[in-house]
């Protein structure tokens, strides 16, 4: 029962780190990355469909995304979805492909993006701390029910705290990497 509590907490903390990585991948850092378009939904024959399921997205150059829709009739819908997104990018279409030029970020935009990244990382840290609290509550309930001794409860809470510290450090590492990527000129 104690091992299961620890394992569940560890798995859920790992999921929090993965979620942060996915979330930060969609933040534009001045470099072209197909993951920038992951959250864009296209109205494809009345159905909201992710852009990456309607087209091939490639990066032929460091500051250029090339989008090749499989259905040529959907180009205008893809273009409209990109314009409506919060990316602030203007697509250029030549009939068969959509080109997205990624402009250089201004200094103030870099600082703004850094604040957003820090905020999202703090939210992930809060999620990890909440998982720690849940695991500790389970341990306290086990001790109250007589399933484990008070000494074992304290030892396990220390293990959970060390696990939490490890995952907080991982989140800090993800933050540092993304900040470095954003501030890179």
C-alpha atoms as a PDB file:
ATOM      1  CA  UNK A   1       0.000   0.000   0.000  1.00  0.00           C
ATOM      2  CA  UNK A   2       2.819   2.416   0.875  1.00  0.00           C
ATOM      3  CA  UNK A   3       4.794   1.453  -2.242  1.00  0.00           C
ATOM      4  CA  UNK A   4       1.695   2.002  -4.367  1.00  0.00           C
ATOM      5  CA  UNK A   5       1.231   5.502  -2.907  1.00  0.00           C
ATOM      6  CA  UNK A   6       4.865   6.380  -3.653  1.00  0.00           C
ATOM      7  CA  UNK A   7       4.712   4.921  -7.174  1.00  0.00           C
ATOM      8  CA  UNK A   8       1.477   6.779  -7.999  1.00  0.00           C
ATOM      9  CA  UNK A   9       2.916  10.064  -6.740  1.00  0.00           C
ATOM     10  CA  UNK A  10       6.058   9.540  -8.829  1.00  0.00           C
ATOM     11  CA  UNK A  11       4.082   8.699 -11.983  1.00  0.00           C
ATOM     12  CA  UNK A  12       1.813  11.711 -11.595  1.00  0.00           C
ATOM     13  CA  UNK A  13       4.779  14.018 -10.941  1.00  0.00           C
ATOM     14  CA  UNK A  14       6.420  12.719 -14.115  1.00  0.00           C
ATOM     15  CA  UNK A  15       3.198  13.501 -15.983  1.00  0.00           C
ATOM     16  CA  UNK A  16       3.321  17.069 -14.625  1.00  0.00           C
ATOM     17  CA  UNK A  17       6.858  17.492 -16.015  1.00  0.00           C
ATOM     18  CA  UNK A  18       5.801  16.055 -19.396  1.00  0.00           C
ATOM     19  CA  UNK A  19       2.759  18.334 -19.514  1.00  0.00           C
ATOM     20  CA  UNK A  20       4.955  21.378 -18.855  1.00  0.00           C
ATOM     21  CA  UNK A  21       7.362  20.337 -21.625  1.00  0.00           C
ATOM     22  CA  UNK A  22       4.476  19.985 -24.101  1.00  0.00           C
ATOM     23  CA  UNK A  23       3.002  23.285 -22.980  1.00  0.00           C
ATOM     24  CA  UNK A  24       6.289  25.157 -23.341  1.00  0.00           C
ATOM     25  CA  UNK A  25       6.978  23.595 -26.741  1.00  0.00           C
ATOM     26  CA  UNK A  26       4.044  25.568 -28.129  1.00  0.00           C
ATOM     27  CA  UNK A  27       5.601  28.886 -27.046  1.00  0.00           C
ATOM     28  CA  UNK A  28       7.409  30.555 -29.915  1.00  0.00           C
ATOM     29  CA  UNK A  29      11.089  31.115 -29.188  1.00  0.00           C
ATOM     30  CA  UNK A  30      12.192  32.745 -32.432  1.00  0.00           C
ATOM     31  CA  UNK A  31      12.922  29.393 -34.016  1.00  0.00           C
ATOM     32  CA  UNK A  32      10.629  27.422 -36.285  1.00  0.00           C
ATOM     33  CA  UNK A  33       9.239  24.279 -34.695  1.00  0.00           C
ATOM     34  CA  UNK A  34       6.295  22.187 -35.923  1.00  0.00           C
ATOM     35  CA  UNK A  35       5.073  21.971 -32.309  1.00  0.00           C
ATOM     36  CA  UNK A  36       4.150  25.681 -32.533  1.00  0.00           C
ATOM     37  CA  UNK A  37       1.119  24.609 -34.558  1.00  0.00           C
ATOM     38  CA  UNK A  38       0.002  21.733 -32.294  1.00  0.00           C
ATOM     39  CA  UNK A  39      -2.908  23.637 -30.760  1.00  0.00           C
ATOM     40  CA  UNK A  40      -4.259  25.117 -33.989  1.00  0.00           C
ATOM     41  CA  UNK A  41      -7.661  23.722 -34.925  1.00  0.00           C
ATOM     42  CA  UNK A  42      -8.945  23.981 -38.507  1.00  0.00           C
ATOM     43  CA  UNK A  43     -12.630  23.951 -39.464  1.00  0.00           C
ATOM     44  CA  UNK A  44     -12.413  21.030 -41.894  1.00  0.00           C
ATOM     45  CA  UNK A  45     -15.831  20.359 -43.455  1.00  0.00           C
ATOM     46  CA  UNK A  46     -17.591  21.452 -40.277  1.00  0.00           C
ATOM     47  CA  UNK A  47     -15.328  19.544 -37.874  1.00  0.00           C
ATOM     48  CA  UNK A  48     -12.616  21.114 -35.748  1.00  0.00           C
ATOM     49  CA  UNK A  49      -9.488  19.158 -36.710  1.00  0.00           C
ATOM     50  CA  UNK A  50      -5.897  19.702 -35.541  1.00  0.00           C
ATOM     51  CA  UNK A  51      -3.750  21.250 -38.278  1.00  0.00           C
ATOM     52  CA  UNK A  52      -1.080  18.578 -37.854  1.00  0.00           C
ATOM     53  CA  UNK A  53      -3.685  15.945 -38.858  1.00  0.00           C
ATOM     54  CA  UNK A  54      -4.515  17.763 -42.104  1.00  0.00           C
ATOM     55  CA  UNK A  55      -1.046  18.571 -43.375  1.00  0.00           C
ATOM     56  CA  UNK A  56       2.630  17.775 -43.369  1.00  0.00           C
ATOM     57  CA  UNK A  57       4.532  20.375 -41.359  1.00  0.00           C
ATOM     58  CA  UNK A  58       8.261  20.740 -41.949  1.00  0.00           C
ATOM     59  CA  UNK A  59      11.064  23.195 -41.182  1.00  0.00           C
ATOM     60  CA  UNK A  60      13.207  23.623 -44.303  1.00  0.00           C
ATOM     61  CA  UNK A  61      15.002  26.593 -42.703  1.00  0.00           C
ATOM     62  CA  UNK A  62      15.533  27.626 -39.057  1.00  0.00           C
ATOM     63  CA  UNK A  63      12.984  30.466 -39.344  1.00  0.00           C
ATOM     64  CA  UNK A  64      10.468  28.937 -41.772  1.00  0.00           C
ATOM     65  CA  UNK A  65       7.614  26.479 -41.381  1.00  0.00           C
ATOM     66  CA  UNK A  66       6.260  24.788 -44.488  1.00  0.00           C
ATOM     67  CA  UNK A  67       2.705  23.432 -44.301  1.00  0.00           C
ATOM     68  CA  UNK A  68       1.517  21.120 -47.081  1.00  0.00           C
ATOM     69  CA  UNK A  69      -2.170  20.214 -46.670  1.00  0.00           C
ATOM     70  CA  UNK A  70      -3.076  16.813 -48.090  1.00  0.00           C
ATOM     71  CA  UNK A  71      -6.379  18.215 -49.339  1.00  0.00           C
ATOM     72  CA  UNK A  72      -5.585  21.268 -51.484  1.00  0.00           C
ATOM     73  CA  UNK A  73      -9.145  22.563 -50.924  1.00  0.00           C
ATOM     74  CA  UNK A  74      -8.397  23.037 -47.217  1.00  0.00           C
ATOM     75  CA  UNK A  75      -5.552  25.540 -47.732  1.00  0.00           C
ATOM     76  CA  UNK A  76      -7.777  28.583 -47.151  1.00  0.00           C
ATOM     77  CA  UNK A  77      -9.236  27.044 -43.965  1.00  0.00           C
ATOM     78  CA  UNK A  78      -5.719  26.256 -42.677  1.00  0.00           C
ATOM     79  CA  UNK A  79      -4.623  29.798 -43.449  1.00  0.00           C
ATOM     80  CA  UNK A  80      -7.672  31.231 -41.650  1.00  0.00           C
ATOM     81  CA  UNK A  81      -6.993  29.070 -38.565  1.00  0.00           C
ATOM     82  CA  UNK A  82      -3.365  30.265 -38.418  1.00  0.00           C
ATOM     83  CA  UNK A  83      -4.479  33.895 -38.664  1.00  0.00           C
ATOM     84  CA  UNK A  84      -7.039  33.395 -35.860  1.00  0.00           C
ATOM     85  CA  UNK A  85      -4.466  31.765 -33.567  1.00  0.00           C
ATOM     86  CA  UNK A  86      -2.558  33.757 -30.959  1.00  0.00           C
ATOM     87  CA  UNK A  87       0.796  33.089 -32.641  1.00  0.00           C
ATOM     88  CA  UNK A  88       0.912  36.459 -34.381  1.00  0.00           C
ATOM     89  CA  UNK A  89       2.182  34.935 -37.622  1.00  0.00           C
ATOM     90  CA  UNK A  90       1.005  35.769 -41.146  1.00  0.00           C
ATOM     91  CA  UNK A  91       0.842  32.838 -43.559  1.00  0.00           C
ATOM     92  CA  UNK A  92       1.922  33.180 -47.195  1.00  0.00           C
ATOM     93  CA  UNK A  93       0.205  30.816 -49.635  1.00  0.00           C
ATOM     94  CA  UNK A  94       1.251  29.923 -53.170  1.00  0.00           C
ATOM     95  CA  UNK A  95      -1.653  27.577 -53.936  1.00  0.00           C
ATOM     96  CA  UNK A  96      -0.061  24.292 -52.850  1.00  0.00           C
ATOM     97  CA  UNK A  97       1.804  25.127 -49.636  1.00  0.00           C
ATOM     98  CA  UNK A  98       1.613  27.622 -46.783  1.00  0.00           C
ATOM     99  CA  UNK A  99       4.806  29.290 -45.655  1.00  0.00           C
ATOM    100  CA  UNK A 100       5.114  30.719 -42.147  1.00  0.00           C
ATOM    101  CA  UNK A 101       8.119  32.964 -41.630  1.00  0.00           C
ATOM    102  CA  UNK A 102       9.071  33.164 -37.967  1.00  0.00           C
ATOM    103  CA  UNK A 103      10.273  36.717 -37.273  1.00  0.00           C
ATOM    104  CA  UNK A 104      13.053  37.562 -34.856  1.00  0.00           C
ATOM    105  CA  UNK A 105      11.689  38.286 -31.373  1.00  0.00           C
ATOM    106  CA  UNK A 106      12.057  41.775 -29.938  1.00  0.00           C
ATOM    107  CA  UNK A 107      13.674  42.181 -26.529  1.00  0.00           C
ATOM    108  CA  UNK A 108      10.403  43.166 -24.861  1.00  0.00           C
ATOM    109  CA  UNK A 109       8.618  40.170 -26.408  1.00  0.00           C
ATOM    110  CA  UNK A 110      11.385  37.893 -25.082  1.00  0.00           C
ATOM    111  CA  UNK A 111      10.893  39.276 -21.560  1.00  0.00           C
ATOM    112  CA  UNK A 112       7.118  38.845 -21.913  1.00  0.00           C
ATOM    113  CA  UNK A 113       7.518  35.218 -23.051  1.00  0.00           C
ATOM    114  CA  UNK A 114       9.919  34.556 -20.169  1.00  0.00           C
ATOM    115  CA  UNK A 115       7.249  35.732 -17.725  1.00  0.00           C
ATOM    116  CA  UNK A 116       4.692  33.414 -19.337  1.00  0.00           C
ATOM    117  CA  UNK A 117       7.128  30.493 -19.132  1.00  0.00           C
ATOM    118  CA  UNK A 118       7.855  31.194 -15.458  1.00  0.00           C
ATOM    119  CA  UNK A 119       4.137  31.397 -14.675  1.00  0.00           C
ATOM    120  CA  UNK A 120       3.446  28.048 -16.345  1.00  0.00           C
ATOM    121  CA  UNK A 121       6.404  26.469 -14.554  1.00  0.00           C
ATOM    122  CA  UNK A 122       5.100  27.769 -11.226  1.00  0.00           C
ATOM    123  CA  UNK A 123       1.718  26.200 -12.004  1.00  0.00           C
ATOM    124  CA  UNK A 124       3.479  22.878 -12.649  1.00  0.00           C
ATOM    125  CA  UNK A 125       5.363  23.214  -9.340  1.00  0.00           C
ATOM    126  CA  UNK A 126       2.063  23.799  -7.549  1.00  0.00           C
ATOM    127  CA  UNK A 127       0.687  20.636  -9.182  1.00  0.00           C
ATOM    128  CA  UNK A 128       3.705  18.650  -7.945  1.00  0.00           C
ATOM    129  CA  UNK A 129       3.296  20.062  -4.421  1.00  0.00           C
ATOM    130  CA  UNK A 130      -0.392  19.132  -4.478  1.00  0.00           C
ATOM    131  CA  UNK A 131       0.591  15.578  -5.408  1.00  0.00           C
ATOM    132  CA  UNK A 132       2.973  15.550  -2.443  1.00  0.00           C
ATOM    133  CA  UNK A 133       0.156  16.695  -0.153  1.00  0.00           C
ATOM    134  CA  UNK A 134      -2.170  13.971  -1.482  1.00  0.00           C
ATOM    135  CA  UNK A 135       0.469  11.282  -0.920  1.00  0.00           C
ATOM    136  CA  UNK A 136       1.160  12.572   2.607  1.00  0.00           C
ATOM    137  CA  UNK A 137      -2.573  12.596   3.386  1.00  0.00           C
ATOM    138  CA  UNK A 138      -2.812   8.961   2.288  1.00  0.00           C
ATOM    139  CA  UNK A 139       0.112   8.076   4.532  1.00  0.00           C
ATOM    140  CA  UNK A 140      -1.525   9.855   7.481  1.00  0.00           C
ATOM    141  CA  UNK A 141      -4.748   7.931   6.859  1.00  0.00           C
ATOM    142  CA  UNK A 142      -2.804   4.655   6.782  1.00  0.00           C
ATOM    143  CA  UNK A 143      -1.190   5.539  10.109  1.00  0.00           C
ATOM    144  CA  UNK A 144      -4.576   6.495  11.618  1.00  0.00           C
ATOM    145  CA  UNK A 145      -6.075   3.207  10.436  1.00  0.00           C
ATOM    146  CA  UNK A 146      -3.188   1.281  11.956  1.00  0.00           C
ATOM    147  CA  UNK A 147      -1.841   0.030   8.616  1.00  0.00           C
ATOM    148  CA  UNK A 148       1.609   1.551   9.241  1.00  0.00           C
ATOM    149  CA  UNK A 149       3.473   2.826  12.280  1.00  0.00           C
ATOM    150  CA  UNK A 150       4.044   6.515  12.977  1.00  0.00           C
ATOM    151  CA  UNK A 151       7.807   6.086  12.397  1.00  0.00           C
ATOM    152  CA  UNK A 152       7.159   4.496   9.001  1.00  0.00           C
ATOM    153  CA  UNK A 153       4.774   7.316   8.132  1.00  0.00           C
ATOM    154  CA  UNK A 154       7.476   9.911   8.854  1.00  0.00           C
ATOM    155  CA  UNK A 155      10.097   7.953   6.868  1.00  0.00           C
ATOM    156  CA  UNK A 156       7.741   7.675   3.903  1.00  0.00           C
ATOM    157  CA  UNK A 157       6.868  11.361   4.105  1.00  0.00           C
ATOM    158  CA  UNK A 158      10.582  12.132   3.927  1.00  0.00           C
ATOM    159  CA  UNK A 159      10.847   9.917   0.809  1.00  0.00           C
ATOM    160  CA  UNK A 160       7.898  11.740  -0.742  1.00  0.00           C
ATOM    161  CA  UNK A 161       9.572  15.083   0.086  1.00  0.00           C
ATOM    162  CA  UNK A 162      12.821  13.968  -1.593  1.00  0.00           C
ATOM    163  CA  UNK A 163      10.807  12.848  -4.629  1.00  0.00           C
ATOM    164  CA  UNK A 164       9.057  16.229  -4.711  1.00  0.00           C
ATOM    165  CA  UNK A 165      12.394  18.047  -4.520  1.00  0.00           C
ATOM    166  CA  UNK A 166      13.699  15.942  -7.433  1.00  0.00           C
ATOM    167  CA  UNK A 167      10.714  16.823  -9.616  1.00  0.00           C
ATOM    168  CA  UNK A 168      10.844  20.504  -8.667  1.00  0.00           C
ATOM    169  CA  UNK A 169      14.496  20.464  -9.821  1.00  0.00           C
ATOM    170  CA  UNK A 170      13.428  18.837 -13.104  1.00  0.00           C
ATOM    171  CA  UNK A 171      10.850  21.585 -13.607  1.00  0.00           C
ATOM    172  CA  UNK A 172      13.521  24.208 -12.885  1.00  0.00           C
ATOM    173  CA  UNK A 173      15.723  22.551 -15.531  1.00  0.00           C
ATOM    174  CA  UNK A 174      12.930  22.682 -18.097  1.00  0.00           C
ATOM    175  CA  UNK A 175      12.393  26.361 -17.217  1.00  0.00           C
ATOM    176  CA  UNK A 176      16.088  27.194 -17.553  1.00  0.00           C
ATOM    177  CA  UNK A 177      16.301  25.468 -20.935  1.00  0.00           C
ATOM    178  CA  UNK A 178      13.252  27.291 -22.297  1.00  0.00           C
ATOM    179  CA  UNK A 179      14.376  30.677 -20.935  1.00  0.00           C
ATOM    180  CA  UNK A 180      17.773  30.188 -22.568  1.00  0.00           C
ATOM    181  CA  UNK A 181      16.051  29.293 -25.843  1.00  0.00           C
ATOM    182  CA  UNK A 182      13.837  32.392 -25.665  1.00  0.00           C
ATOM    183  CA  UNK A 183      16.637  34.815 -24.761  1.00  0.00           C
ATOM    184  CA  UNK A 184      18.962  33.443 -27.470  1.00  0.00           C
ATOM    185  CA  UNK A 185      19.430  36.041 -30.225  1.00  0.00           C
END
